[in-house]
Amino acid sequence: MAVVADRAFTSRATLQRVEDGDPSVGMGIYAAVLHALGLLDGLAALADVSADTQGQILGAAQLPKRVRLPRGGKSDV
C-alpha cells in the first residue's frame, strides 16, 4: 500500500479512501492511482461515448421525430 501511495504521489490515508470508493476524492487522485497500478488505459475506455449504449438511447429519444423546413425560400444549408 505504501509503494502504490508513493507512486501515486498521495498519502496512505488518501489511498485508503480511494479503496473505499470515497466520492470526495478528486478524479486526479484516482487517475494517479490507476497510473501507479498500470491501469490508466481503462480510464479512457470508461469515458468512451461509443460504449455508452444507454446514453445513446437516451440521447436519441430526445431528438425531434420530424423536422420541417420553412416553405418558399432557399435554405441556409
PDB file of N, CA and C in Angstrom:
ATOM      1  N   MET A   1       0.821  -1.183   0.000  1.00  0.00           N
ATOM      2  CA  MET A   1       0.000   0.000   0.000  1.00  0.00           C
ATOM      3  C   MET A   1       0.873   1.258   0.000  1.00  0.00           C
ATOM      4  N   ALA A   2       1.963   1.233   0.748  1.00  0.00           N
ATOM      5  CA  ALA A   2       2.862   2.381   0.813  1.00  0.00           C
ATOM      6  C   ALA A   2       3.521   2.639  -0.537  1.00  0.00           C
ATOM      7  N   VAL A   3       3.876   1.579  -1.252  1.00  0.00           N
ATOM      8  CA  VAL A   3       4.525   1.726  -2.560  1.00  0.00           C
ATOM      9  C   VAL A   3       3.568   2.359  -3.562  1.00  0.00           C
ATOM     10  N   VAL A   4       2.331   1.898  -3.582  1.00  0.00           N
ATOM     11  CA  VAL A   4       1.341   2.466  -4.509  1.00  0.00           C
ATOM     12  C   VAL A   4       1.077   3.922  -4.163  1.00  0.00           C
ATOM     13  N   ALA A   5       0.953   4.233  -2.880  1.00  0.00           N
ATOM     14  CA  ALA A   5       0.732   5.617  -2.462  1.00  0.00           C
ATOM     15  C   ALA A   5       1.910   6.501  -2.887  1.00  0.00           C
ATOM     16  N   ASP A   6       3.120   6.023  -2.737  1.00  0.00           N
ATOM     17  CA  ASP A   6       4.294   6.791  -3.158  1.00  0.00           C
ATOM     18  C   ASP A   6       4.301   7.013  -4.667  1.00  0.00           C
ATOM     19  N   ARG A   7       4.006   5.977  -5.419  1.00  0.00           N
ATOM     20  CA  ARG A   7       3.992   6.094  -6.880  1.00  0.00           C
ATOM     21  C   ARG A   7       2.873   7.009  -7.366  1.00  0.00           C
ATOM     22  N   ALA A   8       1.778   7.090  -6.614  1.00  0.00           N
ATOM     23  CA  ALA A   8       0.655   7.947  -6.989  1.00  0.00           C
ATOM     24  C   ALA A   8       0.796   9.354  -6.404  1.00  0.00           C
ATOM     25  N   PHE A   9       1.895   9.601  -5.679  1.00  0.00           N
ATOM     26  CA  PHE A   9       2.158  10.899  -5.053  1.00  0.00           C
ATOM     27  C   PHE A   9       1.021  11.325  -4.127  1.00  0.00           C
ATOM     28  N   THR A  10       0.568  10.389  -3.320  1.00  0.00           N
ATOM     29  CA  THR A  10      -0.501  10.660  -2.366  1.00  0.00           C
ATOM     30  C   THR A  10      -0.186   9.968  -1.049  1.00  0.00           C
ATOM     31  N   SER A  11      -1.013  10.183  -0.062  1.00  0.00           N
ATOM     32  CA  SER A  11      -0.788   9.566   1.247  1.00  0.00           C
ATOM     33  C   SER A  11      -1.484   8.210   1.323  1.00  0.00           C
ATOM     34  N   ARG A  12      -1.098   7.431   2.304  1.00  0.00           N
ATOM     35  CA  ARG A  12      -1.749   6.134   2.505  1.00  0.00           C
ATOM     36  C   ARG A  12      -3.203   6.328   2.911  1.00  0.00           C
ATOM     37  N   ALA A  13      -3.478   7.397   3.661  1.00  0.00           N
ATOM     38  CA  ALA A  13      -4.864   7.665   4.075  1.00  0.00           C
ATOM     39  C   ALA A  13      -5.750   7.954   2.861  1.00  0.00           C
ATOM     40  N   THR A  14      -5.229   8.734   1.918  1.00  0.00           N
ATOM     41  CA  THR A  14      -5.993   9.021   0.703  1.00  0.00           C
ATOM     42  C   THR A  14      -6.155   7.768  -0.135  1.00  0.00           C
ATOM     43  N   LEU A  15      -5.125   6.955  -0.207  1.00  0.00           N
ATOM     44  CA  LEU A  15      -5.225   5.695  -0.936  1.00  0.00           C
ATOM     45  C   LEU A  15      -6.287   4.799  -0.309  1.00  0.00           C
ATOM     46  N   GLN A  16      -6.379   4.804   1.009  1.00  0.00           N
ATOM     47  CA  GLN A  16      -7.421   4.023   1.686  1.00  0.00           C
ATOM     48  C   GLN A  16      -8.809   4.558   1.319  1.00  0.00           C
ATOM     49  N   ARG A  17      -8.941   5.884   1.222  1.00  0.00           N
ATOM     50  CA  ARG A  17     -10.220   6.472   0.811  1.00  0.00           C
ATOM     51  C   ARG A  17     -10.564   6.082  -0.623  1.00  0.00           C
ATOM     52  N   VAL A  18      -9.555   5.988  -1.497  1.00  0.00           N
ATOM     53  CA  VAL A  18      -9.774   5.536  -2.872  1.00  0.00           C
ATOM     54  C   VAL A  18     -10.276   4.098  -2.861  1.00  0.00           C
ATOM     55  N   GLU A  19      -9.650   3.251  -2.067  1.00  0.00           N
ATOM     56  CA  GLU A  19     -10.059   1.850  -1.986  1.00  0.00           C
ATOM     57  C   GLU A  19     -11.480   1.716  -1.452  1.00  0.00           C
ATOM     58  N   ASP A  20     -11.883   2.643  -0.576  1.00  0.00           N
ATOM     59  CA  ASP A  20     -13.239   2.614  -0.019  1.00  0.00           C
ATOM     60  C   ASP A  20     -14.272   3.219  -0.957  1.00  0.00           C
ATOM     61  N   GLY A  21     -13.803   3.845  -2.049  1.00  0.00           N
ATOM     62  CA  GLY A  21     -14.723   4.451  -3.015  1.00  0.00           C
ATOM     63  C   GLY A  21     -15.265   5.790  -2.554  1.00  0.00           C
ATOM     64  N   ASP A  22     -14.513   6.511  -1.742  1.00  0.00           N
ATOM     65  CA  ASP A  22     -14.933   7.803  -1.221  1.00  0.00           C
ATOM     66  C   ASP A  22     -15.148   8.797  -2.370  1.00  0.00           C
ATOM     67  N   PRO A  23     -16.377   9.309  -2.552  1.00  0.00           N
ATOM     68  CA  PRO A  23     -16.642  10.222  -3.668  1.00  0.00           C
ATOM     69  C   PRO A  23     -16.003  11.600  -3.506  1.00  0.00           C
ATOM     70  N   SER A  24     -15.498  11.920  -2.313  1.00  0.00           N
ATOM     71  CA  SER A  24     -14.875  13.231  -2.123  1.00  0.00           C
ATOM     72  C   SER A  24     -13.426  13.264  -2.605  1.00  0.00           C
ATOM     73  N   VAL A  25     -12.873  12.124  -2.975  1.00  0.00           N
ATOM     74  CA  VAL A  25     -11.508  12.074  -3.520  1.00  0.00           C
ATOM     75  C   VAL A  25     -11.556  12.576  -4.956  1.00  0.00           C
ATOM     76  N   GLY A  26     -10.618  13.441  -5.301  1.00  0.00           N
ATOM     77  CA  GLY A  26     -10.591  14.027  -6.642  1.00  0.00           C
ATOM     78  C   GLY A  26     -10.292  13.005  -7.724  1.00  0.00           C
ATOM     79  N   MET A  27     -10.798  13.299  -8.924  1.00  0.00           N
ATOM     80  CA  MET A  27     -10.602  12.404 -10.063  1.00  0.00           C
ATOM     81  C   MET A  27      -9.122  12.263 -10.409  1.00  0.00           C
ATOM     82  N   GLY A  28      -8.345  13.310 -10.166  1.00  0.00           N
ATOM     83  CA  GLY A  28      -6.910  13.257 -10.439  1.00  0.00           C
ATOM     84  C   GLY A  28      -6.193  12.230  -9.578  1.00  0.00           C
ATOM     85  N   ILE A  29      -6.645  12.088  -8.339  1.00  0.00           N
ATOM     86  CA  ILE A  29      -6.052  11.076  -7.446  1.00  0.00           C
ATOM     87  C   ILE A  29      -6.380   9.683  -7.963  1.00  0.00           C
ATOM     88  N   TYR A  30      -7.628   9.477  -8.384  1.00  0.00           N
ATOM     89  CA  TYR A  30      -7.994   8.176  -8.957  1.00  0.00           C
ATOM     90  C   TYR A  30      -7.134   7.875 -10.181  1.00  0.00           C
ATOM     91  N   ALA A  31      -6.921   8.883 -11.041  1.00  0.00           N
ATOM     92  CA  ALA A  31      -6.090   8.689 -12.234  1.00  0.00           C
ATOM     93  C   ALA A  31      -4.646   8.375 -11.849  1.00  0.00           C
ATOM     94  N   ALA A  32      -4.126   9.045 -10.825  1.00  0.00           N
ATOM     95  CA  ALA A  32      -2.753   8.788 -10.381  1.00  0.00           C
ATOM     96  C   ALA A  32      -2.602   7.377  -9.832  1.00  0.00           C
ATOM     97  N   VAL A  33      -3.606   6.916  -9.099  1.00  0.00           N
ATOM     98  CA  VAL A  33      -3.563   5.546  -8.553  1.00  0.00           C
ATOM     99  C   VAL A  33      -3.653   4.532  -9.685  1.00  0.00           C
ATOM    100  N   LEU A  34      -4.536   4.769 -10.652  1.00  0.00           N
ATOM    101  CA  LEU A  34      -4.625   3.859 -11.803  1.00  0.00           C
ATOM    102  C   LEU A  34      -3.310   3.820 -12.568  1.00  0.00           C
ATOM    103  N   HIS A  35      -2.664   4.978 -12.716  1.00  0.00           N
ATOM    104  CA  HIS A  35      -1.367   5.028 -13.393  1.00  0.00           C
ATOM    105  C   HIS A  35      -0.322   4.237 -12.609  1.00  0.00           C
ATOM    106  N   ALA A  36      -0.327   4.389 -11.286  1.00  0.00           N
ATOM    107  CA  ALA A  36       0.639   3.666 -10.449  1.00  0.00           C
ATOM    108  C   ALA A  36       0.441   2.159 -10.543  1.00  0.00           C
ATOM    109  N   LEU A  37      -0.794   1.746 -10.784  1.00  0.00           N
ATOM    110  CA  LEU A  37      -1.095   0.316 -10.899  1.00  0.00           C
ATOM    111  C   LEU A  37      -1.000  -0.195 -12.335  1.00  0.00           C
ATOM    112  N   GLY A  38      -0.722   0.711 -13.283  1.00  0.00           N
ATOM    113  CA  GLY A  38      -0.627   0.310 -14.690  1.00  0.00           C
ATOM    114  C   GLY A  38      -1.981   0.094 -15.341  1.00  0.00           C
ATOM    115  N   LEU A  39      -3.009   0.740 -14.818  1.00  0.00           N
ATOM    116  CA  LEU A  39      -4.374   0.548 -15.320  1.00  0.00           C
ATOM    117  C   LEU A  39      -4.981   1.815 -15.905  1.00  0.00           C
ATOM    118  N   LEU A  40      -4.170   2.793 -16.233  1.00  0.00           N
ATOM    119  CA  LEU A  40      -4.686   4.082 -16.691  1.00  0.00           C
ATOM    120  C   LEU A  40      -5.438   3.978 -18.016  1.00  0.00           C
ATOM    121  N   ASP A  41      -5.088   3.025 -18.873  1.00  0.00           N
ATOM    122  CA  ASP A  41      -5.777   2.880 -20.158  1.00  0.00           C
ATOM    123  C   ASP A  41      -7.253   2.566 -19.978  1.00  0.00           C
ATOM    124  N   GLY A  42      -7.615   1.931 -18.896  1.00  0.00           N
ATOM    125  CA  GLY A  42      -9.019   1.623 -18.628  1.00  0.00           C
ATOM    126  C   GLY A  42      -9.849   2.866 -18.388  1.00  0.00           C
ATOM    127  N   LEU A  43      -9.227   3.963 -17.958  1.00  0.00           N
ATOM    128  CA  LEU A  43      -9.948   5.207 -17.723  1.00  0.00           C
ATOM    129  C   LEU A  43     -10.466   5.788 -19.036  1.00  0.00           C
ATOM    130  N   ALA A  44      -9.689   5.698 -20.085  1.00  0.00           N
ATOM    131  CA  ALA A  44     -10.129   6.191 -21.393  1.00  0.00           C
ATOM    132  C   ALA A  44     -11.309   5.371 -21.908  1.00  0.00           C
ATOM    133  N   ALA A  45     -11.287   4.088 -21.684  1.00  0.00           N
ATOM    134  CA  ALA A  45     -12.398   3.236 -22.118  1.00  0.00           C
ATOM    135  C   ALA A  45     -13.661   3.555 -21.332  1.00  0.00           C
ATOM    136  N   LEU A  46     -13.513   3.966 -20.096  1.00  0.00           N
ATOM    137  CA  LEU A  46     -14.657   4.307 -19.262  1.00  0.00           C
ATOM    138  C   LEU A  46     -15.385   5.534 -19.804  1.00  0.00           C
ATOM    139  N   ALA A  47     -14.650   6.481 -20.362  1.00  0.00           N
ATOM    140  CA  ALA A  47     -15.234   7.718 -20.867  1.00  0.00           C
ATOM    141  C   ALA A  47     -15.573   7.649 -22.352  1.00  0.00           C
ATOM    142  N   ASP A  48     -15.483   6.491 -22.977  1.00  0.00           N
ATOM    143  CA  ASP A  48     -15.741   6.342 -24.404  1.00  0.00           C
ATOM    144  C   ASP A  48     -17.243   6.423 -24.673  1.00  0.00           C
ATOM    145  N   VAL A  49     -17.650   7.446 -25.416  1.00  0.00           N
ATOM    146  CA  VAL A  49     -19.065   7.668 -25.695  1.00  0.00           C
ATOM    147  C   VAL A  49     -19.654   6.521 -26.520  1.00  0.00           C
ATOM    148  N   SER A  50     -18.882   5.947 -27.401  1.00  0.00           N
ATOM    149  CA  SER A  50     -19.409   4.880 -28.260  1.00  0.00           C
ATOM    150  C   SER A  50     -19.735   3.617 -27.472  1.00  0.00           C
ATOM    151  N   ALA A  51     -19.206   3.479 -26.273  1.00  0.00           N
ATOM    152  CA  ALA A  51     -19.503   2.308 -25.455  1.00  0.00           C
ATOM    153  C   ALA A  51     -20.693   2.529 -24.540  1.00  0.00           C
ATOM    154  N   ASP A  52     -21.243   3.736 -24.514  1.00  0.00           N
ATOM    155  CA  ASP A  52     -22.362   4.068 -23.638  1.00  0.00           C
ATOM    156  C   ASP A  52     -23.678   3.883 -24.386  1.00  0.00           C
ATOM    157  N   THR A  53     -24.128   2.655 -24.499  1.00  0.00           N
ATOM    158  CA  THR A  53     -25.355   2.380 -25.251  1.00  0.00           C
ATOM    159  C   THR A  53     -26.581   2.993 -24.590  1.00  0.00           C
ATOM    160  N   GLN A  54     -26.647   2.980 -23.270  1.00  0.00           N
ATOM    161  CA  GLN A  54     -27.787   3.567 -22.581  1.00  0.00           C
ATOM    162  C   GLN A  54     -27.840   5.073 -22.825  1.00  0.00           C
ATOM    163  N   GLY A  55     -26.698   5.742 -22.791  1.00  0.00           N
ATOM    164  CA  GLY A  55     -26.650   7.172 -23.071  1.00  0.00           C
ATOM    165  C   GLY A  55     -27.058   7.488 -24.496  1.00  0.00           C
ATOM    166  N   GLN A  56     -26.667   6.632 -25.433  1.00  0.00           N
ATOM    167  CA  GLN A  56     -27.066   6.836 -26.827  1.00  0.00           C
ATOM    168  C   GLN A  56     -28.565   6.679 -26.998  1.00  0.00           C
ATOM    169  N   ILE A  57     -29.165   5.724 -26.309  1.00  0.00           N
ATOM    170  CA  ILE A  57     -30.613   5.523 -26.373  1.00  0.00           C
ATOM    171  C   ILE A  57     -31.341   6.737 -25.806  1.00  0.00           C
ATOM    172  N   LEU A  58     -30.871   7.232 -24.662  1.00  0.00           N
ATOM    173  CA  LEU A  58     -31.498   8.409 -24.058  1.00  0.00           C
ATOM    174  C   LEU A  58     -31.334   9.640 -24.932  1.00  0.00           C
ATOM    175  N   GLY A  59     -30.170   9.807 -25.543  1.00  0.00           N
ATOM    176  CA  GLY A  59     -29.936  10.936 -26.430  1.00  0.00           C
ATOM    177  C   GLY A  59     -30.804  10.874 -27.676  1.00  0.00           C
ATOM    178  N   ALA A  60     -30.953   9.692 -28.250  1.00  0.00           N
ATOM    179  CA  ALA A  60     -31.783   9.532 -29.438  1.00  0.00           C
ATOM    180  C   ALA A  60     -33.246   9.786 -29.130  1.00  0.00           C
ATOM    181  N   ALA A  61     -33.683   9.471 -27.926  1.00  0.00           N
ATOM    182  CA  ALA A  61     -35.082   9.697 -27.546  1.00  0.00           C
ATOM    183  C   ALA A  61     -35.396  11.184 -27.461  1.00  0.00           C
ATOM    184  N   GLN A  62     -34.396  12.024 -27.234  1.00  0.00           N
ATOM    185  CA  GLN A  62     -34.616  13.461 -27.129  1.00  0.00           C
ATOM    186  C   GLN A  62     -34.559  14.176 -28.474  1.00  0.00           C
ATOM    187  N   LEU A  63     -34.156  13.483 -29.517  1.00  0.00           N
ATOM    188  CA  LEU A  63     -34.114  14.094 -30.838  1.00  0.00           C
ATOM    189  C   LEU A  63     -35.528  14.312 -31.355  1.00  0.00           C
ATOM    190  N   PRO A  64     -35.738  15.365 -32.131  1.00  0.00           N
ATOM    191  CA  PRO A  64     -37.079  15.567 -32.687  1.00  0.00           C
ATOM    192  C   PRO A  64     -37.423  14.459 -33.670  1.00  0.00           C
ATOM    193  N   LYS A  65     -38.691  14.077 -33.685  1.00  0.00           N
ATOM    194  CA  LYS A  65     -39.126  12.995 -34.571  1.00  0.00           C
ATOM    195  C   LYS A  65     -39.176  13.449 -36.022  1.00  0.00           C
ATOM    196  N   ARG A  66     -39.496  14.735 -36.215  1.00  0.00           N
ATOM    197  CA  ARG A  66     -39.650  15.226 -37.569  1.00  0.00           C
ATOM    198  C   ARG A  66     -39.182  16.673 -37.614  1.00  0.00           C
ATOM    199  N   VAL A  67     -38.474  17.021 -38.650  1.00  0.00           N
ATOM    200  CA  VAL A  67     -38.009  18.380 -38.827  1.00  0.00           C
ATOM    201  C   VAL A  67     -38.656  18.941 -40.077  1.00  0.00           C
ATOM    202  N   ARG A  68     -39.277  20.101 -39.922  1.00  0.00           N
ATOM    203  CA  ARG A  68     -39.919  20.747 -41.078  1.00  0.00           C
ATOM    204  C   ARG A  68     -39.082  21.950 -41.485  1.00  0.00           C
ATOM    205  N   LEU A  69     -38.794  22.017 -42.773  1.00  0.00           N
ATOM    206  CA  LEU A  69     -38.074  23.164 -43.325  1.00  0.00           C
ATOM    207  C   LEU A  69     -39.053  24.258 -43.678  1.00  0.00           C
ATOM    208  N   PRO A  70     -38.641  25.519 -43.587  1.00  0.00           N
ATOM    209  CA  PRO A  70     -39.538  26.611 -43.961  1.00  0.00           C
ATOM    210  C   PRO A  70     -39.861  26.547 -45.456  1.00  0.00           C
ATOM    211  N   ARG A  71     -41.088  26.954 -45.802  1.00  0.00           N
ATOM    212  CA  ARG A  71     -41.517  26.906 -47.196  1.00  0.00           C
ATOM    213  C   ARG A  71     -41.118  28.169 -47.952  1.00  0.00           C
ATOM    214  N   GLY A  72     -40.985  28.019 -49.267  1.00  0.00           N
ATOM    215  CA  GLY A  72     -40.830  29.143 -50.168  1.00  0.00           C
ATOM    216  C   GLY A  72     -39.564  29.939 -50.006  1.00  0.00           C
ATOM    217  N   GLY A  73     -38.502  29.331 -50.008  1.00  0.00           N
ATOM    218  CA  GLY A  73     -37.260  30.086 -49.936  1.00  0.00           C
ATOM    219  C   GLY A  73     -36.074  29.153 -50.001  1.00  0.00           C
ATOM    220  N   LYS A  74     -34.956  29.775 -50.074  1.00  0.00           N
ATOM    221  CA  LYS A  74     -33.740  28.980 -50.085  1.00  0.00           C
ATOM    222  C   LYS A  74     -33.383  28.604 -48.671  1.00  0.00           C
ATOM    223  N   SER A  75     -32.862  27.432 -48.535  1.00  0.00           N
ATOM    224  CA  SER A  75     -32.409  27.027 -47.216  1.00  0.00           C
ATOM    225  C   SER A  75     -30.973  27.487 -47.025  1.00  0.00           C
ATOM    226  N   ASP A  76     -30.577  27.662 -45.800  1.00  0.00           N
ATOM    227  CA  ASP A  76     -29.208  28.086 -45.489  1.00  0.00           C
ATOM    228  C   ASP A  76     -28.214  26.938 -45.584  1.00  0.00           C
ATOM    229  N   VAL A  77     -28.696  25.740 -45.771  1.00  0.00           N
ATOM    230  CA  VAL A  77     -27.826  24.565 -45.772  1.00  0.00           C
ATOM    231  C   VAL A  77     -27.247  24.296 -47.111  1.00  0.00           C
TER     232      VAL A  77
END
